[in-house]
Amino acid sequence: MSYDIDKDAEWYSEHQDELLQKYDGKIIAVRNGAVLAAGIDVADLASRVDLPVGEYLIQTCLFGNQANTVHIYTPGLVST
């Protein structure tokens, strides 16, 4: 059975208000409707979860649609 990230994204949306009370500003790992870990950045979070990346939802706990925005920084990578 493969992991369905869409179900966890929906679960996060449904529980966003209560999750914000506990994890505001942190990044959380969610799998099957449960928070596995919380961290200050993706590397910190991934080090706390005993699953490969892609087998759980990585979600930033922020108010409103801010939580659905992802910023990926790649120092040293330049595209022309």
PDB file of N, CA and C in Angstrom:
ATOM      1  N   MET A   1       0.842  -1.180   0.000  1.00  0.00           N
ATOM      2  CA  MET A   1       0.000   0.000   0.000  1.00  0.00           C
ATOM      3  C   MET A   1       0.889   1.247   0.000  1.00  0.00           C
ATOM      4  N   SER A   2       0.640   2.143  -0.936  1.00  0.00           N
ATOM      5  CA  SER A   2       1.476   3.335  -1.035  1.00  0.00           C
ATOM      6  C   SER A   2       0.917   4.466  -0.163  1.00  0.00           C
ATOM      7  N   TYR A   3       1.796   5.343   0.206  1.00  0.00           N
ATOM      8  CA  TYR A   3       1.435   6.465   1.063  1.00  0.00           C
ATOM      9  C   TYR A   3       0.627   7.483   0.270  1.00  0.00           C
ATOM     10  N   ASP A   4      -0.462   7.992   0.852  1.00  0.00           N
ATOM     11  CA  ASP A   4      -1.323   8.988   0.225  1.00  0.00           C
ATOM     12  C   ASP A   4      -1.156  10.336   0.932  1.00  0.00           C
ATOM     13  N   ILE A   5      -0.273  11.155   0.395  1.00  0.00           N
ATOM     14  CA  ILE A   5       0.037  12.448   1.011  1.00  0.00           C
ATOM     15  C   ILE A   5      -1.168  13.383   0.979  1.00  0.00           C
ATOM     16  N   ASP A   6      -2.037  13.215  -0.017  1.00  0.00           N
ATOM     17  CA  ASP A   6      -3.208  14.084  -0.117  1.00  0.00           C
ATOM     18  C   ASP A   6      -4.131  13.940   1.089  1.00  0.00           C
ATOM     19  N   LYS A   7      -4.261  12.745   1.616  1.00  0.00           N
ATOM     20  CA  LYS A   7      -5.103  12.542   2.804  1.00  0.00           C
ATOM     21  C   LYS A   7      -4.534  13.284   4.007  1.00  0.00           C
ATOM     22  N   ASP A   8      -3.207  13.277   4.145  1.00  0.00           N
ATOM     23  CA  ASP A   8      -2.601  14.005   5.265  1.00  0.00           C
ATOM     24  C   ASP A   8      -2.678  15.513   5.058  1.00  0.00           C
ATOM     25  N   ALA A   9      -2.595  15.983   3.823  1.00  0.00           N
ATOM     26  CA  ALA A   9      -2.754  17.414   3.547  1.00  0.00           C
ATOM     27  C   ALA A   9      -4.174  17.851   3.901  1.00  0.00           C
ATOM     28  N   GLU A  10      -5.144  17.029   3.582  1.00  0.00           N
ATOM     29  CA  GLU A  10      -6.531  17.318   3.939  1.00  0.00           C
ATOM     30  C   GLU A  10      -6.708  17.297   5.459  1.00  0.00           C
ATOM     31  N   TRP A  11      -6.096  16.309   6.121  1.00  0.00           N
ATOM     32  CA  TRP A  11      -6.161  16.226   7.584  1.00  0.00           C
ATOM     33  C   TRP A  11      -5.569  17.482   8.211  1.00  0.00           C
ATOM     34  N   TYR A  12      -4.421  17.934   7.689  1.00  0.00           N
ATOM     35  CA  TYR A  12      -3.806  19.149   8.218  1.00  0.00           C
ATOM     36  C   TYR A  12      -4.764  20.328   8.086  1.00  0.00           C
ATOM     37  N   SER A  13      -5.374  20.492   6.920  1.00  0.00           N
ATOM     38  CA  SER A  13      -6.305  21.600   6.706  1.00  0.00           C
ATOM     39  C   SER A  13      -7.462  21.563   7.694  1.00  0.00           C
ATOM     40  N   GLU A  14      -7.977  20.377   7.946  1.00  0.00           N
ATOM     41  CA  GLU A  14      -9.099  20.228   8.866  1.00  0.00           C
ATOM     42  C   GLU A  14      -8.703  20.515  10.317  1.00  0.00           C
ATOM     43  N   HIS A  15      -7.442  20.286  10.669  1.00  0.00           N
ATOM     44  CA  HIS A  15      -6.978  20.439  12.057  1.00  0.00           C
ATOM     45  C   HIS A  15      -6.005  21.604  12.232  1.00  0.00           C
ATOM     46  N   GLN A  16      -5.919  22.470  11.241  1.00  0.00           N
ATOM     47  CA  GLN A  16      -4.919  23.538  11.249  1.00  0.00           C
ATOM     48  C   GLN A  16      -5.006  24.415  12.493  1.00  0.00           C
ATOM     49  N   ASP A  17      -6.203  24.811  12.895  1.00  0.00           N
ATOM     50  CA  ASP A  17      -6.334  25.708  14.048  1.00  0.00           C
ATOM     51  C   ASP A  17      -5.765  25.089  15.321  1.00  0.00           C
ATOM     52  N   GLU A  18      -6.088  23.840  15.582  1.00  0.00           N
ATOM     53  CA  GLU A  18      -5.571  23.204  16.802  1.00  0.00           C
ATOM     54  C   GLU A  18      -4.071  22.923  16.703  1.00  0.00           C
ATOM     55  N   LEU A  19      -3.584  22.615  15.509  1.00  0.00           N
ATOM     56  CA  LEU A  19      -2.144  22.386  15.330  1.00  0.00           C
ATOM     57  C   LEU A  19      -1.361  23.677  15.511  1.00  0.00           C
ATOM     58  N   LEU A  20      -1.937  24.803  15.070  1.00  0.00           N
ATOM     59  CA  LEU A  20      -1.278  26.100  15.255  1.00  0.00           C
ATOM     60  C   LEU A  20      -1.078  26.424  16.730  1.00  0.00           C
ATOM     61  N   GLN A  21      -2.018  26.037  17.561  1.00  0.00           N
ATOM     62  CA  GLN A  21      -1.894  26.315  18.992  1.00  0.00           C
ATOM     63  C   GLN A  21      -0.674  25.623  19.595  1.00  0.00           C
ATOM     64  N   LYS A  22      -0.331  24.468  19.063  1.00  0.00           N
ATOM     65  CA  LYS A  22       0.786  23.698  19.618  1.00  0.00           C
ATOM     66  C   LYS A  22       2.096  23.894  18.858  1.00  0.00           C
ATOM     67  N   TYR A  23       2.021  24.059  17.526  1.00  0.00           N
ATOM     68  CA  TYR A  23       3.223  24.036  16.690  1.00  0.00           C
ATOM     69  C   TYR A  23       3.440  25.314  15.882  1.00  0.00           C
ATOM     70  N   ASP A  24       2.854  26.422  16.252  1.00  0.00           N
ATOM     71  CA  ASP A  24       2.927  27.654  15.469  1.00  0.00           C
ATOM     72  C   ASP A  24       4.364  28.005  15.074  1.00  0.00           C
ATOM     73  N   GLY A  25       4.567  28.138  13.773  1.00  0.00           N
ATOM     74  CA  GLY A  25       5.876  28.517  13.240  1.00  0.00           C
ATOM     75  C   GLY A  25       6.842  27.373  13.047  1.00  0.00           C
ATOM     76  N   LYS A  26       6.501  26.194  13.520  1.00  0.00           N
ATOM     77  CA  LYS A  26       7.388  25.035  13.361  1.00  0.00           C
ATOM     78  C   LYS A  26       6.993  24.223  12.132  1.00  0.00           C
ATOM     79  N   ILE A  27       7.869  23.351  11.737  1.00  0.00           N
ATOM     80  CA  ILE A  27       7.601  22.426  10.645  1.00  0.00           C
ATOM     81  C   ILE A  27       7.267  21.081  11.281  1.00  0.00           C
ATOM     82  N   ILE A  28       6.177  20.476  10.811  1.00  0.00           N
ATOM     83  CA  ILE A  28       5.759  19.198  11.380  1.00  0.00           C
ATOM     84  C   ILE A  28       5.783  18.106  10.314  1.00  0.00           C
ATOM     85  N   ALA A  29       5.958  16.890  10.778  1.00  0.00           N
ATOM     86  CA  ALA A  29       5.863  15.703   9.929  1.00  0.00           C
ATOM     87  C   ALA A  29       4.551  15.012  10.289  1.00  0.00           C
ATOM     88  N   VAL A  30       3.726  14.758   9.277  1.00  0.00           N
ATOM     89  CA  VAL A  30       2.426  14.137   9.490  1.00  0.00           C
ATOM     90  C   VAL A  30       2.328  12.878   8.647  1.00  0.00           C
ATOM     91  N   ARG A  31       1.828  11.816   9.268  1.00  0.00           N
ATOM     92  CA  ARG A  31       1.563  10.573   8.534  1.00  0.00           C
ATOM     93  C   ARG A  31       0.307   9.937   9.118  1.00  0.00           C
ATOM     94  N   ASN A  32      -0.620   9.647   8.228  1.00  0.00           N
ATOM     95  CA  ASN A  32      -1.869   8.993   8.608  1.00  0.00           C
ATOM     96  C   ASN A  32      -2.602   9.723   9.743  1.00  0.00           C
ATOM     97  N   GLY A  33      -2.654  11.054   9.630  1.00  0.00           N
ATOM     98  CA  GLY A  33      -3.398  11.847  10.599  1.00  0.00           C
ATOM     99  C   GLY A  33      -2.765  11.964  11.964  1.00  0.00           C
ATOM    100  N   ALA A  34      -1.460  11.802  12.047  1.00  0.00           N
ATOM    101  CA  ALA A  34      -0.753  11.939  13.316  1.00  0.00           C
ATOM    102  C   ALA A  34       0.535  12.734  13.107  1.00  0.00           C
ATOM    103  N   VAL A  35       0.847  13.597  14.065  1.00  0.00           N
ATOM    104  CA  VAL A  35       2.094  14.354  14.013  1.00  0.00           C
ATOM    105  C   VAL A  35       3.204  13.450  14.537  1.00  0.00           C
ATOM    106  N   LEU A  36       4.182  13.182  13.682  1.00  0.00           N
ATOM    107  CA  LEU A  36       5.308  12.318  14.055  1.00  0.00           C
ATOM    108  C   LEU A  36       6.399  13.083  14.793  1.00  0.00           C
ATOM    109  N   ALA A  37       6.621  14.339  14.386  1.00  0.00           N
ATOM    110  CA  ALA A  37       7.689  15.145  14.970  1.00  0.00           C
ATOM    111  C   ALA A  37       7.494  16.594  14.567  1.00  0.00           C
ATOM    112  N   ALA A  38       8.179  17.486  15.271  1.00  0.00           N
ATOM    113  CA  ALA A  38       8.190  18.908  14.942  1.00  0.00           C
ATOM    114  C   ALA A  38       9.626  19.387  14.999  1.00  0.00           C
ATOM    115  N   GLY A  39       9.956  20.346  14.143  1.00  0.00           N
ATOM    116  CA  GLY A  39      11.321  20.859  14.116  1.00  0.00           C
ATOM    117  C   GLY A  39      11.356  22.296  13.636  1.00  0.00           C
ATOM    118  N   ILE A  40      12.553  22.862  13.651  1.00  0.00           N
ATOM    119  CA  ILE A  40      12.712  24.258  13.249  1.00  0.00           C
ATOM    120  C   ILE A  40      13.034  24.404  11.772  1.00  0.00           C
ATOM    121  N   ASP A  41      13.504  23.331  11.146  1.00  0.00           N
ATOM    122  CA  ASP A  41      13.746  23.334   9.702  1.00  0.00           C
ATOM    123  C   ASP A  41      13.622  21.897   9.193  1.00  0.00           C
ATOM    124  N   VAL A  42      13.660  21.732   7.888  1.00  0.00           N
ATOM    125  CA  VAL A  42      13.434  20.411   7.294  1.00  0.00           C
ATOM    126  C   VAL A  42      14.505  19.409   7.714  1.00  0.00           C
ATOM    127  N   ALA A  43      15.759  19.835   7.778  1.00  0.00           N
ATOM    128  CA  ALA A  43      16.827  18.918   8.184  1.00  0.00           C
ATOM    129  C   ALA A  43      16.624  18.449   9.620  1.00  0.00           C
ATOM    130  N   ASP A  44      16.255  19.372  10.499  1.00  0.00           N
ATOM    131  CA  ASP A  44      15.978  19.024  11.892  1.00  0.00           C
ATOM    132  C   ASP A  44      14.814  18.040  11.968  1.00  0.00           C
ATOM    133  N   LEU A  45      13.776  18.325  11.218  1.00  0.00           N
ATOM    134  CA  LEU A  45      12.600  17.461  11.208  1.00  0.00           C
ATOM    135  C   LEU A  45      12.935  16.074  10.680  1.00  0.00           C
ATOM    136  N   ALA A  46      13.601  16.007   9.549  1.00  0.00           N
ATOM    137  CA  ALA A  46      13.935  14.713   8.935  1.00  0.00           C
ATOM    138  C   ALA A  46      14.795  13.853   9.850  1.00  0.00           C
ATOM    139  N   SER A  47      15.635  14.497  10.663  1.00  0.00           N
ATOM    140  CA  SER A  47      16.492  13.730  11.574  1.00  0.00           C
ATOM    141  C   SER A  47      15.688  13.098  12.710  1.00  0.00           C
ATOM    142  N   ARG A  48      14.472  13.575  12.936  1.00  0.00           N
ATOM    143  CA  ARG A  48      13.635  13.069  14.025  1.00  0.00           C
ATOM    144  C   ARG A  48      12.641  11.999  13.576  1.00  0.00           C
ATOM    145  N   VAL A  49      12.495  11.823  12.262  1.00  0.00           N
ATOM    146  CA  VAL A  49      11.499  10.884  11.733  1.00  0.00           C
ATOM    147  C   VAL A  49      12.212   9.664  11.161  1.00  0.00           C
ATOM    148  N   ASP A  50      11.775   8.500  11.560  1.00  0.00           N
ATOM    149  CA  ASP A  50      12.405   7.247  11.127  1.00  0.00           C
ATOM    150  C   ASP A  50      11.716   6.676   9.879  1.00  0.00           C
ATOM    151  N   LEU A  51      11.510   7.542   8.890  1.00  0.00           N
ATOM    152  CA  LEU A  51      10.935   7.154   7.596  1.00  0.00           C
ATOM    153  C   LEU A  51      11.650   7.942   6.511  1.00  0.00           C
ATOM    154  N   PRO A  52      11.711   7.415   5.306  1.00  0.00           N
ATOM    155  CA  PRO A  52      12.321   8.184   4.224  1.00  0.00           C
ATOM    156  C   PRO A  52      11.459   9.401   3.866  1.00  0.00           C
ATOM    157  N   VAL A  53      12.103  10.494   3.485  1.00  0.00           N
ATOM    158  CA  VAL A  53      11.373  11.656   3.002  1.00  0.00           C
ATOM    159  C   VAL A  53      10.517  11.202   1.826  1.00  0.00           C
ATOM    160  N   GLY A  54       9.287  11.657   1.791  1.00  0.00           N
ATOM    161  CA  GLY A  54       8.340  11.224   0.775  1.00  0.00           C
ATOM    162  C   GLY A  54       7.321  10.240   1.327  1.00  0.00           C
ATOM    163  N   GLU A  55       7.582   9.745   2.528  1.00  0.00           N
ATOM    164  CA  GLU A  55       6.654   8.818   3.183  1.00  0.00           C
ATOM    165  C   GLU A  55       5.840   9.508   4.272  1.00  0.00           C
ATOM    166  N   TYR A  56       5.920  10.839   4.318  1.00  0.00           N
ATOM    167  CA  TYR A  56       5.145  11.633   5.259  1.00  0.00           C
ATOM    168  C   TYR A  56       5.042  13.052   4.730  1.00  0.00           C
ATOM    169  N   LEU A  57       4.057  13.773   5.215  1.00  0.00           N
ATOM    170  CA  LEU A  57       3.838  15.165   4.832  1.00  0.00           C
ATOM    171  C   LEU A  57       4.743  16.061   5.665  1.00  0.00           C
ATOM    172  N   ILE A  58       5.441  16.964   5.009  1.00  0.00           N
ATOM    173  CA  ILE A  58       6.222  17.994   5.692  1.00  0.00           C
ATOM    174  C   ILE A  58       5.417  19.280   5.559  1.00  0.00           C
ATOM    175  N   GLN A  59       4.987  19.816   6.688  1.00  0.00           N
ATOM    176  CA  GLN A  59       4.072  20.959   6.679  1.00  0.00           C
ATOM    177  C   GLN A  59       4.521  22.021   7.669  1.00  0.00           C
ATOM    178  N   THR A  60       4.585  23.266   7.213  1.00  0.00           N
ATOM    179  CA  THR A  60       4.873  24.377   8.107  1.00  0.00           C
ATOM    180  C   THR A  60       3.573  24.835   8.744  1.00  0.00           C
ATOM    181  N   CYS A  61       3.573  24.986  10.052  1.00  0.00           N
ATOM    182  CA  CYS A  61       2.381  25.440  10.770  1.00  0.00           C
ATOM    183  C   CYS A  61       2.369  26.961  10.815  1.00  0.00           C
ATOM    184  N   LEU A  62       1.609  27.534   9.921  1.00  0.00           N
ATOM    185  CA  LEU A  62       1.424  28.975   9.869  1.00  0.00           C
ATOM    186  C   LEU A  62      -0.050  29.257   9.642  1.00  0.00           C
ATOM    187  N   PHE A  63      -0.476  30.466   9.952  1.00  0.00           N
ATOM    188  CA  PHE A  63      -1.866  30.856   9.804  1.00  0.00           C
ATOM    189  C   PHE A  63      -2.251  30.984   8.333  1.00  0.00           C
ATOM    190  N   GLY A  64      -3.443  30.532   7.995  1.00  0.00           N
ATOM    191  CA  GLY A  64      -4.009  30.715   6.659  1.00  0.00           C
ATOM    192  C   GLY A  64      -3.220  30.041   5.561  1.00  0.00           C
ATOM    193  N   ASN A  65      -3.179  30.700   4.401  1.00  0.00           N
ATOM    194  CA  ASN A  65      -2.516  30.122   3.233  1.00  0.00           C
ATOM    195  C   ASN A  65      -0.998  30.217   3.287  1.00  0.00           C
ATOM    196  N   GLN A  66      -0.459  30.937   4.271  1.00  0.00           N
ATOM    197  CA  GLN A  66       0.997  31.007   4.414  1.00  0.00           C
ATOM    198  C   GLN A  66       1.589  29.610   4.556  1.00  0.00           C
ATOM    199  N   ALA A  67       0.843  28.711   5.155  1.00  0.00           N
ATOM    200  CA  ALA A  67       1.322  27.345   5.397  1.00  0.00           C
ATOM    201  C   ALA A  67       1.470  26.558   4.108  1.00  0.00           C
ATOM    202  N   ASN A  68       0.880  27.041   3.032  1.00  0.00           N
ATOM    203  CA  ASN A  68       0.936  26.324   1.760  1.00  0.00           C
ATOM    204  C   ASN A  68       1.991  26.873   0.817  1.00  0.00           C
ATOM    205  N   THR A  69       2.841  27.759   1.312  1.00  0.00           N
ATOM    206  CA  THR A  69       3.905  28.339   0.502  1.00  0.00           C
ATOM    207  C   THR A  69       5.231  27.707   0.889  1.00  0.00           C
ATOM    208  N   VAL A  70       5.975  27.264  -0.099  1.00  0.00           N
ATOM    209  CA  VAL A  70       7.257  26.620   0.150  1.00  0.00           C
ATOM    210  C   VAL A  70       8.361  27.468  -0.481  1.00  0.00           C
ATOM    211  N   HIS A  71       9.390  27.734   0.274  1.00  0.00           N
ATOM    212  CA  HIS A  71      10.570  28.437  -0.224  1.00  0.00           C
ATOM    213  C   HIS A  71      11.733  27.460  -0.171  1.00  0.00           C
ATOM    214  N   ILE A  72      12.356  27.239  -1.313  1.00  0.00           N
ATOM    215  CA  ILE A  72      13.490  26.324  -1.365  1.00  0.00           C
ATOM    216  C   ILE A  72      14.715  27.129  -1.780  1.00  0.00           C
ATOM    217  N   TYR A  73      15.705  27.126  -0.927  1.00  0.00           N
ATOM    218  CA  TYR A  73      16.930  27.849  -1.185  1.00  0.00           C
ATOM    219  C   TYR A  73      18.035  26.855  -1.544  1.00  0.00           C
ATOM    220  N   THR A  74      18.741  27.143  -2.610  1.00  0.00           N
ATOM    221  CA  THR A  74      19.841  26.264  -3.042  1.00  0.00           C
ATOM    222  C   THR A  74      21.095  27.116  -3.205  1.00  0.00           C
ATOM    223  N   PRO A  75      21.793  27.371  -2.116  1.00  0.00           N
ATOM    224  CA  PRO A  75      23.013  28.194  -2.197  1.00  0.00           C
ATOM    225  C   PRO A  75      24.003  27.603  -3.188  1.00  0.00           C
ATOM    226  N   GLY A  76      24.546  28.465  -4.004  1.00  0.00           N
ATOM    227  CA  GLY A  76      25.568  28.036  -4.952  1.00  0.00           C
ATOM    228  C   GLY A  76      25.009  27.538  -6.278  1.00  0.00           C
ATOM    229  N   LEU A  77      23.717  27.407  -6.368  1.00  0.00           N
ATOM    230  CA  LEU A  77      23.104  26.957  -7.605  1.00  0.00           C
ATOM    231  C   LEU A  77      22.585  28.174  -8.361  1.00  0.00           C
ATOM    232  N   VAL A  78      23.094  28.372  -9.546  1.00  0.00           N
ATOM    233  CA  VAL A  78      22.692  29.521 -10.362  1.00  0.00           C
ATOM    234  C   VAL A  78      22.241  29.011 -11.708  1.00  0.00           C
ATOM    235  N   SER A  79      21.092  29.477 -12.133  1.00  0.00           N
ATOM    236  CA  SER A  79      20.548  29.078 -13.427  1.00  0.00           C
ATOM    237  C   SER A  79      20.514  30.290 -14.334  1.00  0.00           C
ATOM    238  N   THR A  80      20.915  30.108 -15.589  1.00  0.00           N
ATOM    239  CA  THR A  80      20.871  31.230 -16.547  1.00  0.00           C
ATOM    240  C   THR A  80      20.049  30.874 -17.755  1.00  0.00           C
TER     241      THR A  80
END
